[in-house]
Amino acid sequence: MAWGDADADGDLDLVLGCEGEAILLYLGEGGVLSNTFLTIAGYSGNVDNVVSDLAWGDADNDGDLDLVATMAPARTAIQA
């Protein structure tokens, strides 16, 4: 689980990763999390992908947040 402003609207958004599930992004709207979610492109949940950590940062230095997900066994995905 990691909080960040993924859509740069000033509201915190929540990203969740669970064992055998897709990585889900819940967008914050006016201080409330939406009841809908976006599935992160390039990642589909299955029993071989266990999300071990999620972090926000500017990996490509373009000024917006990027999501880094580490998965077991030994995989890393970056959503820029």
Protein backbone atom coordinates (compact mmCIF):
# COMPACT_ATOMS: atom_id res chain seq x y z
CA MET A 1 0.00 0.00 0.00
CA ALA A 2 1.30 3.45 -0.88
CA TRP A 3 -0.20 6.94 -0.91
CA GLY A 4 0.67 9.54 -3.56
CA ASP A 5 -0.92 12.09 -5.87
CA ALA A 6 -0.95 9.98 -9.05
CA ASP A 7 -3.16 12.33 -11.08
CA ALA A 8 -1.57 15.58 -9.78
CA ASP A 9 -4.91 17.04 -8.63
CA GLY A 10 -3.79 17.81 -5.07
CA ASP A 11 -5.66 14.85 -3.52
CA LEU A 12 -3.91 11.76 -2.22
CA ASP A 13 -4.52 8.55 -4.17
CA LEU A 14 -4.05 5.00 -2.86
CA VAL A 15 -2.38 2.10 -4.61
CA LEU A 16 -2.81 -1.45 -3.31
CA GLY A 17 -1.13 -4.69 -4.25
CA CYS A 18 -2.18 -8.10 -2.97
CA GLU A 19 -1.05 -11.65 -3.54
CA GLY A 20 -2.50 -13.04 -6.75
CA GLU A 21 -4.40 -9.83 -7.52
CA ALA A 22 -3.87 -6.89 -9.84
CA ILE A 23 -2.29 -3.69 -8.53
CA LEU A 24 -5.19 -1.31 -7.93
CA LEU A 25 -5.17 2.49 -7.89
CA TYR A 26 -8.00 4.28 -6.06
CA LEU A 27 -8.16 7.96 -6.99
CA GLY A 28 -8.83 10.56 -4.30
CA GLU A 29 -11.52 13.08 -5.18
CA GLY A 30 -12.09 16.01 -2.85
CA GLY A 31 -10.47 14.22 0.08
CA VAL A 32 -12.50 11.00 -0.44
CA LEU A 33 -11.29 7.87 -2.21
CA SER A 34 -13.34 6.90 -5.24
CA ASN A 35 -15.24 3.65 -5.06
CA THR A 36 -13.85 2.70 -8.46
CA PHE A 37 -10.30 1.74 -9.22
CA LEU A 38 -7.88 1.55 -12.12
CA THR A 39 -5.80 -1.53 -12.83
CA ILE A 40 -2.16 -0.65 -13.37
CA ALA A 41 -1.14 -1.33 -16.99
CA GLY A 42 1.47 -3.99 -17.62
CA TYR A 43 0.68 -6.00 -14.51
CA SER A 44 -1.93 -8.66 -14.09
CA GLY A 45 -2.34 -10.50 -10.85
CA ASN A 46 -1.62 -14.18 -10.68
CA VAL A 47 -0.27 -16.56 -8.08
CA ASP A 48 3.28 -16.12 -9.42
CA ASN A 49 3.25 -12.36 -8.74
CA VAL A 50 3.26 -11.43 -5.07
CA VAL A 51 3.59 -7.68 -4.49
CA SER A 52 6.17 -7.16 -1.77
CA ASP A 53 6.43 -3.37 -1.84
CA LEU A 54 5.03 -0.29 -3.60
CA ALA A 55 6.59 3.17 -3.71
CA TRP A 56 6.00 6.50 -5.46
CA GLY A 57 8.83 8.60 -6.86
CA ASP A 58 9.90 10.44 -9.98
CA ALA A 59 11.93 7.67 -11.61
CA ASP A 60 12.21 9.32 -15.04
CA ASN A 61 12.68 12.94 -13.83
CA ASP A 62 9.66 14.28 -15.74
CA GLY A 63 8.06 15.99 -12.74
CA ASP A 64 5.23 13.53 -12.10
CA LEU A 65 4.97 10.56 -9.79
CA ASP A 66 5.89 7.10 -11.03
CA LEU A 67 4.96 3.85 -9.30
CA VAL A 68 7.56 1.21 -8.54
CA ALA A 69 6.35 -2.25 -7.51
CA THR A 70 8.64 -5.01 -6.34
CA MET A 71 7.30 -8.52 -6.58
CA ALA A 72 8.38 -11.94 -5.47
CA PRO A 73 10.02 -13.82 -6.95
CA ALA A 74 12.53 -11.07 -7.86
CA ARG A 75 10.58 -8.86 -10.29
CA THR A 76 10.28 -5.10 -10.51
CA ALA A 77 7.71 -3.11 -12.48
CA ILE A 78 7.73 0.64 -13.05
CA GLN A 79 4.67 2.59 -14.19
CA ALA A 80 6.00 5.91 -15.51
